[in-house]
Amino acid sequence: MLTLVSTTLSALLIGPVGHGLSAGAQVRREADSTYVVGQGDTLWSIAAGREAPGEDPRPLIDAIERANGIGPADLVPGQTLVVPASS
């Protein structure tokens, strides 16, 4: 009996049910974008402008710093930054 249940469950997961589950599990990641730093820009202002209103920009600030190998004091007007896509 256990073998029958196991075989049936395996067949469902390998067959159409499994295919449907894996198709639903696909995550589409948006592409990273770029941003040209302007006079007076801060990482906070850049990240806050990309987030939805009310969202905390700190995770995006951290991601921008990591993607560009910079810190808050490293911004220079005219510099192009990679802004990672939201996950």
PDB file of N, CA and C in Angstrom:
ATOM      1  N   MET A   1       0.824  -1.193   0.000  1.00  0.00           N
ATOM      2  CA  MET A   1       0.000   0.000   0.000  1.00  0.00           C
ATOM      3  C   MET A   1       0.874   1.265   0.000  1.00  0.00           C
ATOM      4  N   LEU A   2       1.902   1.287   0.848  1.00  0.00           N
ATOM      5  CA  LEU A   2       2.795   2.438   0.910  1.00  0.00           C
ATOM      6  C   LEU A   2       3.508   2.642  -0.425  1.00  0.00           C
ATOM      7  N   THR A   3       3.878   1.536  -1.081  1.00  0.00           N
ATOM      8  CA  THR A   3       4.545   1.624  -2.378  1.00  0.00           C
ATOM      9  C   THR A   3       3.606   2.228  -3.419  1.00  0.00           C
ATOM     10  N   LEU A   4       2.346   1.858  -3.389  1.00  0.00           N
ATOM     11  CA  LEU A   4       1.365   2.385  -4.330  1.00  0.00           C
ATOM     12  C   LEU A   4       1.181   3.890  -4.134  1.00  0.00           C
ATOM     13  N   VAL A   5       1.076   4.326  -2.896  1.00  0.00           N
ATOM     14  CA  VAL A   5       0.916   5.747  -2.605  1.00  0.00           C
ATOM     15  C   VAL A   5       2.162   6.512  -3.041  1.00  0.00           C
ATOM     16  N   SER A   6       3.310   5.959  -2.731  1.00  0.00           N
ATOM     17  CA  SER A   6       4.564   6.594  -3.103  1.00  0.00           C
ATOM     18  C   SER A   6       4.704   6.705  -4.615  1.00  0.00           C
ATOM     19  N   THR A   7       4.372   5.650  -5.341  1.00  0.00           N
ATOM     20  CA  THR A   7       4.460   5.644  -6.801  1.00  0.00           C
ATOM     21  C   THR A   7       3.481   6.650  -7.406  1.00  0.00           C
ATOM     22  N   THR A   8       2.271   6.689  -6.881  1.00  0.00           N
ATOM     23  CA  THR A   8       1.264   7.618  -7.389  1.00  0.00           C
ATOM     24  C   THR A   8       1.698   9.061  -7.148  1.00  0.00           C
ATOM     25  N   LEU A   9       2.190   9.336  -5.956  1.00  0.00           N
ATOM     26  CA  LEU A   9       2.644  10.681  -5.631  1.00  0.00           C
ATOM     27  C   LEU A   9       3.818  11.076  -6.522  1.00  0.00           C
ATOM     28  N   SER A  10       4.736  10.171  -6.747  1.00  0.00           N
ATOM     29  CA  SER A  10       5.884  10.452  -7.616  1.00  0.00           C
ATOM     30  C   SER A  10       5.433  10.748  -9.043  1.00  0.00           C
ATOM     31  N   ALA A  11       4.480   9.981  -9.534  1.00  0.00           N
ATOM     32  CA  ALA A  11       3.975  10.182 -10.893  1.00  0.00           C
ATOM     33  C   ALA A  11       3.303  11.545 -11.028  1.00  0.00           C
ATOM     34  N   LEU A  12       2.576  11.959 -10.008  1.00  0.00           N
ATOM     35  CA  LEU A  12       1.929  13.267 -10.056  1.00  0.00           C
ATOM     36  C   LEU A  12       2.947  14.401 -10.034  1.00  0.00           C
ATOM     37  N   LEU A  13       3.971  14.252  -9.217  1.00  0.00           N
ATOM     38  CA  LEU A  13       4.975  15.311  -9.124  1.00  0.00           C
ATOM     39  C   LEU A  13       5.853  15.396 -10.360  1.00  0.00           C
ATOM     40  N   ILE A  14       6.058  14.277 -11.028  1.00  0.00           N
ATOM     41  CA  ILE A  14       6.866  14.264 -12.246  1.00  0.00           C
ATOM     42  C   ILE A  14       6.023  14.690 -13.444  1.00  0.00           C
ATOM     43  N   GLY A  15       4.753  14.391 -13.407  1.00  0.00           N
ATOM     44  CA  GLY A  15       3.851  14.663 -14.526  1.00  0.00           C
ATOM     45  C   GLY A  15       3.325  16.085 -14.543  1.00  0.00           C
ATOM     46  N   PRO A  16       2.079  16.247 -14.977  1.00  0.00           N
ATOM     47  CA  PRO A  16       1.512  17.575 -15.180  1.00  0.00           C
ATOM     48  C   PRO A  16       1.421  18.410 -13.905  1.00  0.00           C
ATOM     49  N   VAL A  17       1.160  17.784 -12.774  1.00  0.00           N
ATOM     50  CA  VAL A  17       1.073  18.545 -11.528  1.00  0.00           C
ATOM     51  C   VAL A  17       2.432  19.130 -11.193  1.00  0.00           C
ATOM     52  N   GLY A  18       3.469  18.340 -11.307  1.00  0.00           N
ATOM     53  CA  GLY A  18       4.818  18.826 -11.042  1.00  0.00           C
ATOM     54  C   GLY A  18       5.222  19.932 -11.989  1.00  0.00           C
ATOM     55  N   HIS A  19       4.843  19.787 -13.255  1.00  0.00           N
ATOM     56  CA  HIS A  19       5.161  20.822 -14.237  1.00  0.00           C
ATOM     57  C   HIS A  19       4.459  22.127 -13.882  1.00  0.00           C
ATOM     58  N   GLY A  20       3.208  22.043 -13.472  1.00  0.00           N
ATOM     59  CA  GLY A  20       2.457  23.229 -13.071  1.00  0.00           C
ATOM     60  C   GLY A  20       3.059  23.883 -11.846  1.00  0.00           C
ATOM     61  N   LEU A  21       3.518  23.080 -10.904  1.00  0.00           N
ATOM     62  CA  LEU A  21       4.131  23.633  -9.706  1.00  0.00           C
ATOM     63  C   LEU A  21       5.442  24.337 -10.034  1.00  0.00           C
ATOM     64  N   SER A  22       6.235  23.722 -10.888  1.00  0.00           N
ATOM     65  CA  SER A  22       7.514  24.343 -11.209  1.00  0.00           C
ATOM     66  C   SER A  22       7.319  25.595 -12.049  1.00  0.00           C
ATOM     67  N   ALA A  23       6.308  25.629 -12.906  1.00  0.00           N
ATOM     68  CA  ALA A  23       6.050  26.819 -13.710  1.00  0.00           C
ATOM     69  C   ALA A  23       5.627  27.974 -12.819  1.00  0.00           C
ATOM     70  N   GLY A  24       4.848  27.671 -11.777  1.00  0.00           N
ATOM     71  CA  GLY A  24       4.416  28.705 -10.854  1.00  0.00           C
ATOM     72  C   GLY A  24       5.545  29.198  -9.976  1.00  0.00           C
ATOM     73  N   ALA A  25       6.595  28.412  -9.847  1.00  0.00           N
ATOM     74  CA  ALA A  25       7.701  28.767  -8.971  1.00  0.00           C
ATOM     75  C   ALA A  25       8.737  29.651  -9.669  1.00  0.00           C
ATOM     76  N   GLN A  26       8.573  29.861 -10.964  1.00  0.00           N
ATOM     77  CA  GLN A  26       9.535  30.684 -11.680  1.00  0.00           C
ATOM     78  C   GLN A  26       9.415  32.127 -11.210  1.00  0.00           C
ATOM     79  N   VAL A  27      10.536  32.733 -10.918  1.00  0.00           N
ATOM     80  CA  VAL A  27      10.562  34.118 -10.469  1.00  0.00           C
ATOM     81  C   VAL A  27      11.214  34.953 -11.549  1.00  0.00           C
ATOM     82  N   ARG A  28      10.540  35.993 -11.951  1.00  0.00           N
ATOM     83  CA  ARG A  28      11.115  36.885 -12.954  1.00  0.00           C
ATOM     84  C   ARG A  28      11.779  38.043 -12.230  1.00  0.00           C
ATOM     85  N   ARG A  29      13.046  38.228 -12.507  1.00  0.00           N
ATOM     86  CA  ARG A  29      13.807  39.295 -11.873  1.00  0.00           C
ATOM     87  C   ARG A  29      13.908  40.451 -12.844  1.00  0.00           C
ATOM     88  N   GLU A  30      13.577  41.633 -12.365  1.00  0.00           N
ATOM     89  CA  GLU A  30      13.732  42.810 -13.196  1.00  0.00           C
ATOM     90  C   GLU A  30      15.213  43.085 -13.410  1.00  0.00           C
ATOM     91  N   ALA A  31      15.518  43.764 -14.489  1.00  0.00           N
ATOM     92  CA  ALA A  31      16.908  44.096 -14.789  1.00  0.00           C
ATOM     93  C   ALA A  31      17.385  45.237 -13.899  1.00  0.00           C
ATOM     94  N   ASP A  32      18.665  45.215 -13.579  1.00  0.00           N
ATOM     95  CA  ASP A  32      19.267  46.329 -12.863  1.00  0.00           C
ATOM     96  C   ASP A  32      19.175  47.570 -13.752  1.00  0.00           C
ATOM     97  N   SER A  33      19.209  48.741 -13.134  1.00  0.00           N
ATOM     98  CA  SER A  33      19.184  49.985 -13.898  1.00  0.00           C
ATOM     99  C   SER A  33      20.391  50.826 -13.505  1.00  0.00           C
ATOM    100  N   THR A  34      20.543  51.943 -14.170  1.00  0.00           N
ATOM    101  CA  THR A  34      21.632  52.855 -13.829  1.00  0.00           C
ATOM    102  C   THR A  34      21.043  54.192 -13.427  1.00  0.00           C
ATOM    103  N   TYR A  35      21.840  54.947 -12.707  1.00  0.00           N
ATOM    104  CA  TYR A  35      21.437  56.275 -12.250  1.00  0.00           C
ATOM    105  C   TYR A  35      22.658  57.167 -12.294  1.00  0.00           C
ATOM    106  N   VAL A  36      22.513  58.352 -12.882  1.00  0.00           N
ATOM    107  CA  VAL A  36      23.612  59.317 -12.919  1.00  0.00           C
ATOM    108  C   VAL A  36      23.426  60.267 -11.742  1.00  0.00           C
ATOM    109  N   VAL A  37      24.421  60.318 -10.882  1.00  0.00           N
ATOM    110  CA  VAL A  37      24.371  61.123  -9.670  1.00  0.00           C
ATOM    111  C   VAL A  37      24.344  62.608 -10.033  1.00  0.00           C
ATOM    112  N   GLY A  38      23.417  63.324  -9.423  1.00  0.00           N
ATOM    113  CA  GLY A  38      23.310  64.766  -9.631  1.00  0.00           C
ATOM    114  C   GLY A  38      23.836  65.521  -8.421  1.00  0.00           C
ATOM    115  N   GLN A  39      24.012  66.820  -8.569  1.00  0.00           N
ATOM    116  CA  GLN A  39      24.469  67.664  -7.477  1.00  0.00           C
ATOM    117  C   GLN A  39      23.480  67.566  -6.309  1.00  0.00           C
ATOM    118  N   GLY A  40      23.970  67.273  -5.131  1.00  0.00           N
ATOM    119  CA  GLY A  40      23.123  67.193  -3.936  1.00  0.00           C
ATOM    120  C   GLY A  40      22.478  65.840  -3.705  1.00  0.00           C
ATOM    121  N   ASP A  41      22.650  64.899  -4.630  1.00  0.00           N
ATOM    122  CA  ASP A  41      22.078  63.556  -4.437  1.00  0.00           C
ATOM    123  C   ASP A  41      22.757  62.846  -3.278  1.00  0.00           C
ATOM    124  N   THR A  42      21.983  62.040  -2.578  1.00  0.00           N
ATOM    125  CA  THR A  42      22.503  61.151  -1.545  1.00  0.00           C
ATOM    126  C   THR A  42      22.011  59.747  -1.865  1.00  0.00           C
ATOM    127  N   LEU A  43      22.632  58.762  -1.262  1.00  0.00           N
ATOM    128  CA  LEU A  43      22.140  57.397  -1.469  1.00  0.00           C
ATOM    129  C   LEU A  43      20.694  57.287  -1.000  1.00  0.00           C
ATOM    130  N   TRP A  44      20.372  57.987   0.078  1.00  0.00           N
ATOM    131  CA  TRP A  44      18.993  57.959   0.592  1.00  0.00           C
ATOM    132  C   TRP A  44      18.024  58.527  -0.447  1.00  0.00           C
ATOM    133  N   SER A  45      18.360  59.677  -1.023  1.00  0.00           N
ATOM    134  CA  SER A  45      17.436  60.286  -1.993  1.00  0.00           C
ATOM    135  C   SER A  45      17.298  59.430  -3.247  1.00  0.00           C
ATOM    136  N   ILE A  46      18.391  58.815  -3.666  1.00  0.00           N
ATOM    137  CA  ILE A  46      18.341  57.950  -4.850  1.00  0.00           C
ATOM    138  C   ILE A  46      17.466  56.739  -4.566  1.00  0.00           C
ATOM    139  N   ALA A  47      17.705  56.076  -3.436  1.00  0.00           N
ATOM    140  CA  ALA A  47      16.940  54.866  -3.100  1.00  0.00           C
ATOM    141  C   ALA A  47      15.485  55.198  -2.816  1.00  0.00           C
ATOM    142  N   ALA A  48      15.230  56.293  -2.105  1.00  0.00           N
ATOM    143  CA  ALA A  48      13.850  56.658  -1.774  1.00  0.00           C
ATOM    144  C   ALA A  48      13.057  56.977  -3.031  1.00  0.00           C
ATOM    145  N   GLY A  49      13.717  57.515  -4.043  1.00  0.00           N
ATOM    146  CA  GLY A  49      13.045  57.816  -5.302  1.00  0.00           C
ATOM    147  C   GLY A  49      12.702  56.575  -6.108  1.00  0.00           C
ATOM    148  N   ARG A  50      13.346  55.461  -5.803  1.00  0.00           N
ATOM    149  CA  ARG A  50      13.097  54.206  -6.529  1.00  0.00           C
ATOM    150  C   ARG A  50      12.097  53.310  -5.816  1.00  0.00           C
ATOM    151  N   GLU A  51      11.940  53.483  -4.520  1.00  0.00           N
ATOM    152  CA  GLU A  51      11.039  52.635  -3.735  1.00  0.00           C
ATOM    153  C   GLU A  51       9.613  53.181  -3.800  1.00  0.00           C
ATOM    154  N   ALA A  52       8.662  52.311  -3.536  1.00  0.00           N
ATOM    155  CA  ALA A  52       7.269  52.737  -3.450  1.00  0.00           C
ATOM    156  C   ALA A  52       7.111  53.643  -2.235  1.00  0.00           C
ATOM    157  N   PRO A  53       6.196  54.594  -2.301  1.00  0.00           N
ATOM    158  CA  PRO A  53       5.989  55.480  -1.151  1.00  0.00           C
ATOM    159  C   PRO A  53       5.732  54.675   0.126  1.00  0.00           C
ATOM    160  N   GLY A  54       6.405  55.063   1.185  1.00  0.00           N
ATOM    161  CA  GLY A  54       6.242  54.374   2.461  1.00  0.00           C
ATOM    162  C   GLY A  54       7.179  53.197   2.669  1.00  0.00           C
ATOM    163  N   GLU A  55       7.890  52.778   1.623  1.00  0.00           N
ATOM    164  CA  GLU A  55       8.837  51.668   1.745  1.00  0.00           C
ATOM    165  C   GLU A  55      10.137  52.169   2.362  1.00  0.00           C
ATOM    166  N   ASP A  56      10.803  51.310   3.103  1.00  0.00           N
ATOM    167  CA  ASP A  56      12.079  51.634   3.729  1.00  0.00           C
ATOM    168  C   ASP A  56      13.188  51.561   2.671  1.00  0.00           C
ATOM    169  N   PRO A  57      13.890  52.661   2.390  1.00  0.00           N
ATOM    170  CA  PRO A  57      14.921  52.632   1.345  1.00  0.00           C
ATOM    171  C   PRO A  57      16.244  52.010   1.785  1.00  0.00           C
ATOM    172  N   ARG A  58      16.401  51.701   3.077  1.00  0.00           N
ATOM    173  CA  ARG A  58      17.705  51.202   3.557  1.00  0.00           C
ATOM    174  C   ARG A  58      18.178  49.919   2.883  1.00  0.00           C
ATOM    175  N   PRO A  59      17.311  48.927   2.621  1.00  0.00           N
ATOM    176  CA  PRO A  59      17.815  47.740   1.911  1.00  0.00           C
ATOM    177  C   PRO A  59      18.354  48.070   0.513  1.00  0.00           C
ATOM    178  N   LEU A  60      17.703  49.012  -0.183  1.00  0.00           N
ATOM    179  CA  LEU A  60      18.189  49.390  -1.511  1.00  0.00           C
ATOM    180  C   LEU A  60      19.491  50.179  -1.402  1.00  0.00           C
ATOM    181  N   ILE A  61      19.613  51.013  -0.371  1.00  0.00           N
ATOM    182  CA  ILE A  61      20.874  51.737  -0.150  1.00  0.00           C
ATOM    183  C   ILE A  61      22.015  50.735   0.014  1.00  0.00           C
ATOM    184  N   ASP A  62      21.803  49.722   0.837  1.00  0.00           N
ATOM    185  CA  ASP A  62      22.827  48.684   1.032  1.00  0.00           C
ATOM    186  C   ASP A  62      23.159  47.991  -0.278  1.00  0.00           C
ATOM    187  N   ALA A  63      22.142  47.692  -1.088  1.00  0.00           N
ATOM    188  CA  ALA A  63      22.358  47.003  -2.363  1.00  0.00           C
ATOM    189  C   ALA A  63      23.140  47.891  -3.335  1.00  0.00           C
ATOM    190  N   ILE A  64      22.835  49.191  -3.362  1.00  0.00           N
ATOM    191  CA  ILE A  64      23.564  50.119  -4.237  1.00  0.00           C
ATOM    192  C   ILE A  64      25.031  50.189  -3.806  1.00  0.00           C
ATOM    193  N   GLU A  65      25.260  50.280  -2.498  1.00  0.00           N
ATOM    194  CA  GLU A  65      26.641  50.323  -1.997  1.00  0.00           C
ATOM    195  C   GLU A  65      27.410  49.066  -2.398  1.00  0.00           C
ATOM    196  N   ARG A  66      26.782  47.892  -2.227  1.00  0.00           N
ATOM    197  CA  ARG A  66      27.452  46.625  -2.588  1.00  0.00           C
ATOM    198  C   ARG A  66      27.705  46.534  -4.089  1.00  0.00           C
ATOM    199  N   ALA A  67      26.711  46.898  -4.895  1.00  0.00           N
ATOM    200  CA  ALA A  67      26.829  46.762  -6.351  1.00  0.00           C
ATOM    201  C   ALA A  67      27.899  47.675  -6.932  1.00  0.00           C
ATOM    202  N   ASN A  68      28.150  48.805  -6.266  1.00  0.00           N
ATOM    203  CA  ASN A  68      29.092  49.785  -6.802  1.00  0.00           C
ATOM    204  C   ASN A  68      30.386  49.890  -6.010  1.00  0.00           C
ATOM    205  N   GLY A  69      30.473  49.158  -4.896  1.00  0.00           N
ATOM    206  CA  GLY A  69      31.671  49.205  -4.069  1.00  0.00           C
ATOM    207  C   GLY A  69      31.928  50.587  -3.500  1.00  0.00           C
ATOM    208  N   ILE A  70      30.858  51.253  -3.071  1.00  0.00           N
ATOM    209  CA  ILE A  70      30.977  52.618  -2.566  1.00  0.00           C
ATOM    210  C   ILE A  70      30.350  52.749  -1.188  1.00  0.00           C
ATOM    211  N   GLY A  71      30.601  53.885  -0.574  1.00  0.00           N
ATOM    212  CA  GLY A  71      29.950  54.283   0.659  1.00  0.00           C
ATOM    213  C   GLY A  71      29.255  55.612   0.438  1.00  0.00           C
ATOM    214  N   PRO A  72      28.539  56.115   1.435  1.00  0.00           N
ATOM    215  CA  PRO A  72      27.784  57.359   1.268  1.00  0.00           C
ATOM    216  C   PRO A  72      28.653  58.562   0.885  1.00  0.00           C
ATOM    217  N   ALA A  73      29.888  58.594   1.339  1.00  0.00           N
ATOM    218  CA  ALA A  73      30.760  59.743   1.059  1.00  0.00           C
ATOM    219  C   ALA A  73      31.414  59.667  -0.318  1.00  0.00           C
ATOM    220  N   ASP A  74      31.182  58.588  -1.043  1.00  0.00           N
ATOM    221  CA  ASP A  74      31.862  58.383  -2.326  1.00  0.00           C
ATOM    222  C   ASP A  74      31.093  58.904  -3.536  1.00  0.00           C
ATOM    223  N   LEU A  75      29.915  59.499  -3.342  1.00  0.00           N
ATOM    224  CA  LEU A  75      29.123  59.971  -4.478  1.00  0.00           C
ATOM    225  C   LEU A  75      29.744  61.222  -5.088  1.00  0.00           C
ATOM    226  N   VAL A  76      29.794  61.226  -6.429  1.00  0.00           N
ATOM    227  CA  VAL A  76      30.335  62.358  -7.176  1.00  0.00           C
ATOM    228  C   VAL A  76      29.335  62.696  -8.281  1.00  0.00           C
ATOM    229  N   PRO A  77      28.931  63.968  -8.404  1.00  0.00           N
ATOM    230  CA  PRO A  77      28.033  64.331  -9.503  1.00  0.00           C
ATOM    231  C   PRO A  77      28.585  63.869 -10.849  1.00  0.00           C
ATOM    232  N   GLY A  78      27.729  63.292 -11.657  1.00  0.00           N
ATOM    233  CA  GLY A  78      28.119  62.758 -12.962  1.00  0.00           C
ATOM    234  C   GLY A  78      28.469  61.283 -12.925  1.00  0.00           C
ATOM    235  N   GLN A  79      28.685  60.737 -11.744  1.00  0.00           N
ATOM    236  CA  GLN A  79      29.009  59.315 -11.579  1.00  0.00           C
ATOM    237  C   GLN A  79      27.788  58.466 -11.942  1.00  0.00           C
ATOM    238  N   THR A  80      28.006  57.363 -12.621  1.00  0.00           N
ATOM    239  CA  THR A  80      26.930  56.447 -12.959  1.00  0.00           C
ATOM    240  C   THR A  80      26.925  55.285 -11.975  1.00  0.00           C
ATOM    241  N   LEU A  81      25.786  55.065 -11.347  1.00  0.00           N
ATOM    242  CA  LEU A  81      25.631  53.971 -10.383  1.00  0.00           C
ATOM    243  C   LEU A  81      24.755  52.864 -10.962  1.00  0.00           C
ATOM    244  N   VAL A  82      25.068  51.641 -10.606  1.00  0.00           N
ATOM    245  CA  VAL A  82      24.184  50.515 -10.881  1.00  0.00           C
ATOM    246  C   VAL A  82      23.199  50.461  -9.727  1.00  0.00           C
ATOM    247  N   VAL A  83      21.916  50.443 -10.064  1.00  0.00           N
ATOM    248  CA  VAL A  83      20.862  50.326  -9.050  1.00  0.00           C
ATOM    249  C   VAL A  83      20.241  48.943  -9.226  1.00  0.00           C
ATOM    250  N   PRO A  84      20.520  48.025  -8.273  1.00  0.00           N
ATOM    251  CA  PRO A  84      19.972  46.675  -8.400  1.00  0.00           C
ATOM    252  C   PRO A  84      18.443  46.682  -8.408  1.00  0.00           C
ATOM    253  N   ALA A  85      17.889  45.781  -9.178  1.00  0.00           N
ATOM    254  CA  ALA A  85      16.431  45.645  -9.236  1.00  0.00           C
ATOM    255  C   ALA A  85      15.919  45.134  -7.889  1.00  0.00           C
ATOM    256  N   SER A  86      14.707  45.529  -7.575  1.00  0.00           N
ATOM    257  CA  SER A  86      14.083  45.015  -6.351  1.00  0.00           C
ATOM    258  C   SER A  86      13.844  43.532  -6.511  1.00  0.00           C
ATOM    259  N   SER A  87      13.974  42.772  -5.401  1.00  0.00           N
ATOM    260  CA  SER A  87      13.764  41.333  -5.475  1.00  0.00           C
ATOM    261  C   SER A  87      12.390  40.949  -5.079  1.00  0.00           C
TER     262      SER A  87
END
